Amino acid sequence: MVDENHITLDGEEYVNNETYQEDDEYDYYYEEPLISLFDLVKEYDDGSVKALNGINLDIFEGEFVSIIGPSGSGKSTLLNMLGALDIPTRGEIYIDGINLLKAKDLSDFRREKIGFVFQLHNLIPNLSVMDNVQIPLMHTGLSSKEMKKRAEEMISAVGLADKKKQKPNKLSGGQRQRVAIARALVNKPSIILADEPTGSLDTKTGAMVLKLLRDMHDAYNVTLIIVTHDINVANLAERTIKIQDGQIIEDKYNY
């Protein structure tokens, strides 16, 4: 039986979801996805609730993708799978060539590959901006001098160099979210996962945070995946994936 999800090319085996392509000269080429999901299912309550119901998806390096759907559609569950915060009931997840279901230490994977931005910024209130941003660099083997240097660079990049000694309760909501973005990027991840990053912000501040995320995506070529219920936010991405009842019902490019 031919396995359509595995291709052998020049002696090398690749995993794919219909991404084996042909150019104008009829020479075959292959762009390996950064993320591949195969028949992903997540069940709760002994299978009576299917949060995800057969997701197949490829996302490529450097893409800006929005995932949209109503409350309960499964979009946040999907984001948790991508961030190695949860495991599926069935299916496979490959990220940057790693099978997450066979990985021995997902904490190392998250620290090295993933940056998280949440609706509630999850900053530690009794730590300064500088200390909050340095948290993902703990246990990486970097010297304290290098950790401080990286944190200062990211704090400056989000426009908060003058706030690095402040604590979160002295900052506005938009400023706290910018700190969260700096923290997400400080470990130079391949992927940024943002779960409703503007959900708790007013319209003007939310637009500023979205612009900052797009600017960071462009500057660092990170793969940016935003979960949202807001179609206006979703349409800012290069690609929008719509989820309903745990299934992808639409996958389109916005250009």
C-alpha atoms as a PDB file:
ATOM      1  CA  MET A   1       0.000   0.000   0.000  1.00  0.00           C
ATOM      2  CA  VAL A   2       1.303   3.461  -0.885  1.00  0.00           C
ATOM      3  CA  ASP A   3       1.406   5.854   2.042  1.00  0.00           C
ATOM      4  CA  GLU A   4       0.455   9.246   0.611  1.00  0.00           C
ATOM      5  CA  ASN A   5       1.729  10.987   3.734  1.00  0.00           C
ATOM      6  CA  HIS A   6       5.301   9.809   3.170  1.00  0.00           C
ATOM      7  CA  ILE A   7       7.422  10.553   0.120  1.00  0.00           C
ATOM      8  CA  THR A   8      10.873   9.243  -0.732  1.00  0.00           C
ATOM      9  CA  LEU A   9      12.906  11.683  -2.820  1.00  0.00           C
ATOM     10  CA  ASP A  10      16.567  11.110  -3.683  1.00  0.00           C
ATOM     11  CA  GLY A  11      16.779   8.572  -0.909  1.00  0.00           C
ATOM     12  CA  GLU A  12      15.278  10.917   1.696  1.00  0.00           C
ATOM     13  CA  GLU A  13      11.877  10.302   3.292  1.00  0.00           C
ATOM     14  CA  TYR A  14       9.542  13.255   3.834  1.00  0.00           C
ATOM     15  CA  VAL A  15       6.268  13.622   5.689  1.00  0.00           C
ATOM     16  CA  ASN A  16       3.640  15.679   3.908  1.00  0.00           C
ATOM     17  CA  ASN A  17      -0.001  16.653   3.557  1.00  0.00           C
ATOM     18  CA  GLU A  18      -0.394  17.191  -0.200  1.00  0.00           C
ATOM     19  CA  THR A  19       2.608  19.506  -0.403  1.00  0.00           C
ATOM     20  CA  TYR A  20       4.585  17.620  -3.048  1.00  0.00           C
ATOM     21  CA  GLN A  21       4.559  20.109  -5.902  1.00  0.00           C
ATOM     22  CA  GLU A  22       5.546  20.542  -9.546  1.00  0.00           C
ATOM     23  CA  ASP A  23       7.052  23.646 -11.139  1.00  0.00           C
ATOM     24  CA  ASP A  24       6.741  25.053 -14.656  1.00  0.00           C
ATOM     25  CA  GLU A  25       9.698  22.991 -15.905  1.00  0.00           C
ATOM     26  CA  TYR A  26       8.080  19.763 -14.676  1.00  0.00           C
ATOM     27  CA  ASP A  27      10.882  19.277 -12.154  1.00  0.00           C
ATOM     28  CA  TYR A  28       9.574  18.058  -8.841  1.00  0.00           C
ATOM     29  CA  TYR A  29      10.404  19.963  -5.702  1.00  0.00           C
ATOM     30  CA  TYR A  30       9.302  19.699  -2.111  1.00  0.00           C
ATOM     31  CA  GLU A  31       8.910  22.314   0.583  1.00  0.00           C
ATOM     32  CA  GLU A  32       8.798  20.590   3.917  1.00  0.00           C
ATOM     33  CA  PRO A  33       6.218  22.095   6.286  1.00  0.00           C
ATOM     34  CA  LEU A  34       7.388  23.458   9.605  1.00  0.00           C
ATOM     35  CA  ILE A  35       4.197  22.022  11.140  1.00  0.00           C
ATOM     36  CA  SER A  36       2.241  18.954   9.989  1.00  0.00           C
ATOM     37  CA  LEU A  37      -0.855  17.568  11.681  1.00  0.00           C
ATOM     38  CA  PHE A  38      -2.352  14.227  10.667  1.00  0.00           C
ATOM     39  CA  ASP A  39      -5.888  13.105  11.606  1.00  0.00           C
ATOM     40  CA  LEU A  40      -5.695  14.960  14.911  1.00  0.00           C
ATOM     41  CA  VAL A  41      -8.457  14.064  17.380  1.00  0.00           C
ATOM     42  CA  LYS A  42      -8.929  15.336  20.920  1.00  0.00           C
ATOM     43  CA  GLU A  43     -11.724  13.833  22.992  1.00  0.00           C
ATOM     44  CA  TYR A  44     -13.036  14.566  26.460  1.00  0.00           C
ATOM     45  CA  ASP A  45     -15.517  12.831  28.756  1.00  0.00           C
ATOM     46  CA  ASP A  46     -14.660   9.315  27.523  1.00  0.00           C
ATOM     47  CA  GLY A  47     -15.070  10.307  23.902  1.00  0.00           C
ATOM     48  CA  SER A  48     -18.464  11.981  24.217  1.00  0.00           C
ATOM     49  CA  VAL A  49     -16.980  15.404  23.412  1.00  0.00           C
ATOM     50  CA  LYS A  50     -14.682  15.851  20.417  1.00  0.00           C
ATOM     51  CA  ALA A  51     -12.823  19.157  20.706  1.00  0.00           C
ATOM     52  CA  LEU A  52     -10.857  18.246  17.561  1.00  0.00           C
ATOM     53  CA  ASN A  53     -12.264  15.810  15.044  1.00  0.00           C
ATOM     54  CA  GLY A  54      -9.773  14.842  12.352  1.00  0.00           C
ATOM     55  CA  ILE A  55      -7.536  17.863  11.717  1.00  0.00           C
ATOM     56  CA  ASN A  56      -5.056  17.637   8.816  1.00  0.00           C
ATOM     57  CA  LEU A  57      -2.937  20.729   8.374  1.00  0.00           C
ATOM     58  CA  ASP A  58       0.414  21.961   7.065  1.00  0.00           C
ATOM     59  CA  ILE A  59       1.912  25.318   8.086  1.00  0.00           C
ATOM     60  CA  PHE A  60       5.133  26.512   6.505  1.00  0.00           C
ATOM     61  CA  GLU A  61       8.071  28.407   7.924  1.00  0.00           C
ATOM     62  CA  GLY A  62       7.529  32.165   8.061  1.00  0.00           C
ATOM     63  CA  GLU A  63       3.766  32.065   7.490  1.00  0.00           C
ATOM     64  CA  PHE A  64       1.395  34.399   9.319  1.00  0.00           C
ATOM     65  CA  VAL A  65      -1.717  32.322   9.996  1.00  0.00           C
ATOM     66  CA  SER A  66      -4.930  33.154  11.827  1.00  0.00           C
ATOM     67  CA  ILE A  67      -7.208  30.464  13.252  1.00  0.00           C
ATOM     68  CA  ILE A  68     -10.783  31.659  13.646  1.00  0.00           C
ATOM     69  CA  GLY A  69     -13.932  30.113  15.004  1.00  0.00           C
ATOM     70  CA  PRO A  70     -16.683  30.622  17.566  1.00  0.00           C
ATOM     71  CA  SER A  71     -16.311  29.769  21.229  1.00  0.00           C
ATOM     72  CA  GLY A  72     -16.070  25.994  21.633  1.00  0.00           C
ATOM     73  CA  SER A  73     -15.002  25.383  18.034  1.00  0.00           C
ATOM     74  CA  GLY A  74     -11.685  23.812  19.057  1.00  0.00           C
ATOM     75  CA  LYS A  75      -9.325  26.617  18.044  1.00  0.00           C
ATOM     76  CA  SER A  76      -7.709  27.041  21.464  1.00  0.00           C
ATOM     77  CA  THR A  77      -7.417  23.262  21.838  1.00  0.00           C
ATOM     78  CA  LEU A  78      -5.593  23.217  18.507  1.00  0.00           C
ATOM     79  CA  LEU A  79      -3.247  25.971  19.685  1.00  0.00           C
ATOM     80  CA  ASN A  80      -2.484  23.975  22.835  1.00  0.00           C
ATOM     81  CA  MET A  81      -1.539  21.008  20.651  1.00  0.00           C
ATOM     82  CA  LEU A  82       0.766  23.159  18.542  1.00  0.00           C
ATOM     83  CA  GLY A  83       2.409  24.502  21.686  1.00  0.00           C
ATOM     84  CA  ALA A  84       2.924  21.033  23.185  1.00  0.00           C
ATOM     85  CA  LEU A  85       0.728  22.028  26.136  1.00  0.00           C
ATOM     86  CA  ASP A  86      -1.610  19.082  25.534  1.00  0.00           C
ATOM     87  CA  ILE A  87      -1.530  15.787  23.659  1.00  0.00           C
ATOM     88  CA  PRO A  88      -4.135  14.422  21.230  1.00  0.00           C
ATOM     89  CA  THR A  89      -6.310  11.384  21.782  1.00  0.00           C
ATOM     90  CA  ARG A  90      -5.284  10.182  18.331  1.00  0.00           C
ATOM     91  CA  GLY A  91      -3.230  11.474  15.426  1.00  0.00           C
ATOM     92  CA  GLU A  92       0.274  12.815  14.847  1.00  0.00           C
ATOM     93  CA  ILE A  93       1.979  16.173  15.314  1.00  0.00           C
ATOM     94  CA  TYR A  94       5.274  16.994  13.614  1.00  0.00           C
ATOM     95  CA  ILE A  95       6.968  20.321  14.295  1.00  0.00           C
ATOM     96  CA  ASP A  96      10.331  21.142  12.755  1.00  0.00           C
ATOM     97  CA  GLY A  97      10.869  17.443  12.054  1.00  0.00           C
ATOM     98  CA  ILE A  98      10.062  16.374  15.623  1.00  0.00           C
ATOM     99  CA  ASN A  99       7.256  13.933  16.382  1.00  0.00           C
ATOM    100  CA  LEU A 100       5.814  15.523  19.525  1.00  0.00           C
ATOM    101  CA  LEU A 101       4.192  12.302  20.656  1.00  0.00           C
ATOM    102  CA  LYS A 102       7.595  10.625  20.796  1.00  0.00           C
ATOM    103  CA  ALA A 103       9.595  13.549  22.186  1.00  0.00           C
ATOM    104  CA  LYS A 104      11.091  12.787  25.592  1.00  0.00           C
ATOM    105  CA  ASP A 105      11.206  16.320  26.993  1.00  0.00           C
ATOM    106  CA  LEU A 106       8.537  18.703  25.754  1.00  0.00           C
ATOM    107  CA  SER A 107       9.623  21.419  28.192  1.00  0.00           C
ATOM    108  CA  ASP A 108      12.905  21.742  26.290  1.00  0.00           C
ATOM    109  CA  PHE A 109      11.001  21.753  23.009  1.00  0.00           C
ATOM    110  CA  ARG A 110       8.692  24.554  24.184  1.00  0.00           C
ATOM    111  CA  ARG A 111      11.571  26.622  25.511  1.00  0.00           C
ATOM    112  CA  GLU A 112      13.598  26.313  22.300  1.00  0.00           C
ATOM    113  CA  LYS A 113      10.918  26.390  19.592  1.00  0.00           C
ATOM    114  CA  ILE A 114       7.797  28.163  20.876  1.00  0.00           C
ATOM    115  CA  GLY A 115       6.937  31.656  22.099  1.00  0.00           C
ATOM    116  CA  PHE A 116       3.534  32.181  23.726  1.00  0.00           C
ATOM    117  CA  VAL A 117       1.390  35.325  23.869  1.00  0.00           C
ATOM    118  CA  PHE A 118      -1.908  34.978  25.733  1.00  0.00           C
ATOM    119  CA  GLN A 119      -4.982  37.174  26.119  1.00  0.00           C
ATOM    120  CA  LEU A 120      -4.017  37.613  29.757  1.00  0.00           C
ATOM    121  CA  HIS A 121      -0.331  38.416  29.544  1.00  0.00           C
ATOM    122  CA  ASN A 122       0.590  36.190  32.528  1.00  0.00           C
ATOM    123  CA  LEU A 123       3.388  38.455  33.733  1.00  0.00           C
ATOM    124  CA  ILE A 124       4.704  37.880  37.247  1.00  0.00           C
ATOM    125  CA  PRO A 125       3.571  40.982  39.177  1.00  0.00           C
ATOM    126  CA  ASN A 126       6.429  41.203  41.669  1.00  0.00           C
ATOM    127  CA  LEU A 127       9.129  41.039  38.964  1.00  0.00           C
ATOM    128  CA  SER A 128      10.353  43.921  36.825  1.00  0.00           C
ATOM    129  CA  VAL A 129       9.848  44.053  33.059  1.00  0.00           C
ATOM    130  CA  MET A 130      13.479  43.012  32.639  1.00  0.00           C
ATOM    131  CA  ASP A 131      13.096  39.992  34.916  1.00  0.00           C
ATOM    132  CA  ASN A 132       9.811  38.934  33.289  1.00  0.00           C
ATOM    133  CA  VAL A 133      11.336  38.988  29.823  1.00  0.00           C
ATOM    134  CA  GLN A 134      14.337  36.929  30.953  1.00  0.00           C
ATOM    135  CA  ILE A 135      12.197  34.053  32.275  1.00  0.00           C
ATOM    136  CA  PRO A 136      12.276  31.922  29.064  1.00  0.00           C
ATOM    137  CA  LEU A 137      16.079  32.129  29.085  1.00  0.00           C
ATOM    138  CA  MET A 138      16.385  30.358  32.421  1.00  0.00           C
ATOM    139  CA  HIS A 139      18.023  26.928  32.185  1.00  0.00           C
ATOM    140  CA  THR A 140      19.270  27.610  28.652  1.00  0.00           C
ATOM    141  CA  GLY A 141      22.920  27.712  29.654  1.00  0.00           C
ATOM    142  CA  LEU A 142      23.297  31.381  28.749  1.00  0.00           C
ATOM    143  CA  SER A 143      25.343  33.574  31.056  1.00  0.00           C
ATOM    144  CA  SER A 144      23.521  36.218  33.083  1.00  0.00           C
ATOM    145  CA  LYS A 145      25.239  38.865  30.951  1.00  0.00           C
ATOM    146  CA  GLU A 146      23.942  37.335  27.711  1.00  0.00           C
ATOM    147  CA  MET A 147      20.448  36.892  29.177  1.00  0.00           C
ATOM    148  CA  LYS A 148      20.348  40.551  30.167  1.00  0.00           C
ATOM    149  CA  LYS A 149      21.605  41.630  26.746  1.00  0.00           C
ATOM    150  CA  ARG A 150      18.946  39.630  24.911  1.00  0.00           C
ATOM    151  CA  ALA A 151      16.200  40.900  27.209  1.00  0.00           C
ATOM    152  CA  GLU A 152      17.277  44.511  26.745  1.00  0.00           C
ATOM    153  CA  GLU A 153      17.290  44.088  22.962  1.00  0.00           C
ATOM    154  CA  MET A 154      13.742  42.717  22.924  1.00  0.00           C
ATOM    155  CA  ILE A 155      12.435  45.296  25.392  1.00  0.00           C
ATOM    156  CA  SER A 156      13.861  48.024  23.156  1.00  0.00           C
ATOM    157  CA  ALA A 157      12.368  46.334  20.074  1.00  0.00           C
ATOM    158  CA  VAL A 158       8.852  46.626  21.549  1.00  0.00           C
ATOM    159  CA  GLY A 159       9.458  50.253  22.516  1.00  0.00           C
ATOM    160  CA  LEU A 160       9.717  49.885  26.283  1.00  0.00           C
ATOM    161  CA  ALA A 161      13.400  50.578  26.990  1.00  0.00           C
ATOM    162  CA  ASP A 162      12.406  53.254  29.497  1.00  0.00           C
ATOM    163  CA  LYS A 163      10.144  50.810  31.375  1.00  0.00           C
ATOM    164  CA  LYS A 164      12.545  47.905  31.925  1.00  0.00           C
ATOM    165  CA  LYS A 165      12.770  48.491  35.689  1.00  0.00           C
ATOM    166  CA  GLN A 166       9.025  48.947  36.139  1.00  0.00           C
ATOM    167  CA  LYS A 167       6.724  46.273  37.507  1.00  0.00           C
ATOM    168  CA  PRO A 168       3.640  45.202  35.502  1.00  0.00           C
ATOM    169  CA  ASN A 169       1.133  46.978  37.748  1.00  0.00           C
ATOM    170  CA  LYS A 170       2.710  50.294  36.737  1.00  0.00           C
ATOM    171  CA  LEU A 171       2.074  49.619  33.029  1.00  0.00           C
ATOM    172  CA  SER A 172      -0.984  49.995  30.829  1.00  0.00           C
ATOM    173  CA  GLY A 173      -2.689  46.934  29.320  1.00  0.00           C
ATOM    174  CA  GLY A 174      -1.056  47.562  25.962  1.00  0.00           C
ATOM    175  CA  GLN A 175       2.364  47.960  27.546  1.00  0.00           C
ATOM    176  CA  ARG A 176       1.942  44.706  29.470  1.00  0.00           C
ATOM    177  CA  GLN A 177       1.053  42.903  26.245  1.00  0.00           C
ATOM    178  CA  ARG A 178       4.146  44.366  24.589  1.00  0.00           C
ATOM    179  CA  VAL A 179       6.214  42.958  27.455  1.00  0.00           C
ATOM    180  CA  ALA A 180       4.548  39.588  26.811  1.00  0.00           C
ATOM    181  CA  ILE A 181       5.573  39.812  23.141  1.00  0.00           C
ATOM    182  CA  ALA A 182       9.163  40.625  24.125  1.00  0.00           C
ATOM    183  CA  ARG A 183       9.140  37.633  26.468  1.00  0.00           C
ATOM    184  CA  ALA A 184       7.767  35.392  23.700  1.00  0.00           C
ATOM    185  CA  LEU A 185      10.535  36.394  21.298  1.00  0.00           C
ATOM    186  CA  VAL A 186      13.535  36.575  23.644  1.00  0.00           C
ATOM    187  CA  ASN A 187      14.491  32.910  23.177  1.00  0.00           C
ATOM    188  CA  LYS A 188      14.460  33.349  19.374  1.00  0.00           C
ATOM    189  CA  PRO A 189      11.723  30.742  18.754  1.00  0.00           C
ATOM    190  CA  SER A 190      10.674  29.352  15.379  1.00  0.00           C
ATOM    191  CA  ILE A 191       6.985  29.818  16.182  1.00  0.00           C
ATOM    192  CA  ILE A 192       4.908  32.433  18.003  1.00  0.00           C
ATOM    193  CA  LEU A 193       1.494  31.254  19.239  1.00  0.00           C
ATOM    194  CA  ALA A 194      -0.893  34.055  20.214  1.00  0.00           C
ATOM    195  CA  ASP A 195      -4.231  33.201  21.829  1.00  0.00           C
ATOM    196  CA  GLU A 196      -6.660  36.132  21.528  1.00  0.00           C
ATOM    197  CA  PRO A 197      -3.773  38.593  22.101  1.00  0.00           C
ATOM    198  CA  THR A 198      -6.036  41.649  21.769  1.00  0.00           C
ATOM    199  CA  GLY A 199      -9.082  40.221  23.541  1.00  0.00           C
ATOM    200  CA  SER A 200      -8.644  42.279  26.708  1.00  0.00           C
ATOM    201  CA  LEU A 201      -7.557  45.498  24.973  1.00  0.00           C
ATOM    202  CA  ASP A 202      -9.440  48.462  23.570  1.00  0.00           C
ATOM    203  CA  THR A 203      -9.597  48.856  19.787  1.00  0.00           C
ATOM    204  CA  LYS A 204      -6.742  51.358  19.458  1.00  0.00           C
ATOM    205  CA  THR A 205      -4.377  49.457  21.755  1.00  0.00           C
ATOM    206  CA  GLY A 206      -5.331  46.158  20.133  1.00  0.00           C
ATOM    207  CA  ALA A 207      -4.450  47.531  16.697  1.00  0.00           C
ATOM    208  CA  MET A 208      -1.070  48.655  18.031  1.00  0.00           C
ATOM    209  CA  VAL A 209      -0.342  45.199  19.474  1.00  0.00           C
ATOM    210  CA  LEU A 210      -1.326  43.500  16.212  1.00  0.00           C
ATOM    211  CA  LYS A 211       0.953  45.828  14.264  1.00  0.00           C
ATOM    212  CA  LEU A 212       3.785  44.999  16.635  1.00  0.00           C
ATOM    213  CA  LEU A 213       3.214  41.261  16.146  1.00  0.00           C
ATOM    214  CA  ARG A 214       3.229  41.703  12.366  1.00  0.00           C
ATOM    215  CA  ASP A 215       6.375  43.823  12.548  1.00  0.00           C
ATOM    216  CA  MET A 216       8.093  41.174  14.666  1.00  0.00           C
ATOM    217  CA  HIS A 217       6.977  38.474  12.244  1.00  0.00           C
ATOM    218  CA  ASP A 218       8.507  40.426   9.364  1.00  0.00           C
ATOM    219  CA  ALA A 219      11.700  41.338  11.208  1.00  0.00           C
ATOM    220  CA  TYR A 220      12.503  37.905  12.622  1.00  0.00           C
ATOM    221  CA  ASN A 221      10.772  35.646  10.054  1.00  0.00           C
ATOM    222  CA  VAL A 222       9.009  33.731  12.812  1.00  0.00           C
ATOM    223  CA  THR A 223       5.967  31.644  12.003  1.00  0.00           C
ATOM    224  CA  LEU A 224       3.099  33.572  13.616  1.00  0.00           C
ATOM    225  CA  ILE A 225      -0.164  31.804  14.492  1.00  0.00           C
ATOM    226  CA  ILE A 226      -2.970  33.847  16.045  1.00  0.00           C
ATOM    227  CA  VAL A 227      -6.194  32.374  17.434  1.00  0.00           C
ATOM    228  CA  THR A 228      -9.114  34.799  17.362  1.00  0.00           C
ATOM    229  CA  HIS A 229     -12.888  35.038  17.106  1.00  0.00           C
ATOM    230  CA  ASP A 230     -12.639  38.448  15.393  1.00  0.00           C
ATOM    231  CA  ILE A 231     -12.804  38.327  11.585  1.00  0.00           C
ATOM    232  CA  ASN A 232     -11.071  41.712  11.324  1.00  0.00           C
ATOM    233  CA  VAL A 233      -8.094  40.369  13.252  1.00  0.00           C
ATOM    234  CA  ALA A 234      -8.127  37.133  11.249  1.00  0.00           C
ATOM    235  CA  ASN A 235      -8.036  38.977   7.929  1.00  0.00           C
ATOM    236  CA  LEU A 236      -4.795  40.729   8.858  1.00  0.00           C
ATOM    237  CA  ALA A 237      -2.995  37.399   8.472  1.00  0.00           C
ATOM    238  CA  GLU A 238      -1.664  36.053   5.193  1.00  0.00           C
ATOM    239  CA  ARG A 239      -3.754  32.912   5.644  1.00  0.00           C
ATOM    240  CA  THR A 240      -6.947  32.213   7.580  1.00  0.00           C
ATOM    241  CA  ILE A 241      -8.080  28.802   8.804  1.00  0.00           C
ATOM    242  CA  LYS A 242     -11.695  28.569   9.944  1.00  0.00           C
ATOM    243  CA  ILE A 243     -12.644  25.896  12.493  1.00  0.00           C
ATOM    244  CA  GLN A 244     -16.088  24.701  13.451  1.00  0.00           C
ATOM    245  CA  ASP A 245     -17.041  21.700  15.594  1.00  0.00           C
ATOM    246  CA  GLY A 246     -13.427  20.601  15.766  1.00  0.00           C
ATOM    247  CA  GLN A 247     -12.914  20.485  11.999  1.00  0.00           C
ATOM    248  CA  ILE A 248     -11.346  22.798   9.416  1.00  0.00           C
ATOM    249  CA  ILE A 249     -14.143  24.113   7.222  1.00  0.00           C
ATOM    250  CA  GLU A 250     -12.127  26.707   5.291  1.00  0.00           C
ATOM    251  CA  ASP A 251      -8.447  27.367   4.591  1.00  0.00           C
ATOM    252  CA  LYS A 252      -7.754  30.430   2.448  1.00  0.00           C
ATOM    253  CA  TYR A 253      -5.070  32.970   1.628  1.00  0.00           C
ATOM    254  CA  ASN A 254      -5.954  36.626   2.154  1.00  0.00           C
ATOM    255  CA  TYR A 255      -4.252  38.019  -0.930  1.00  0.00           C
END
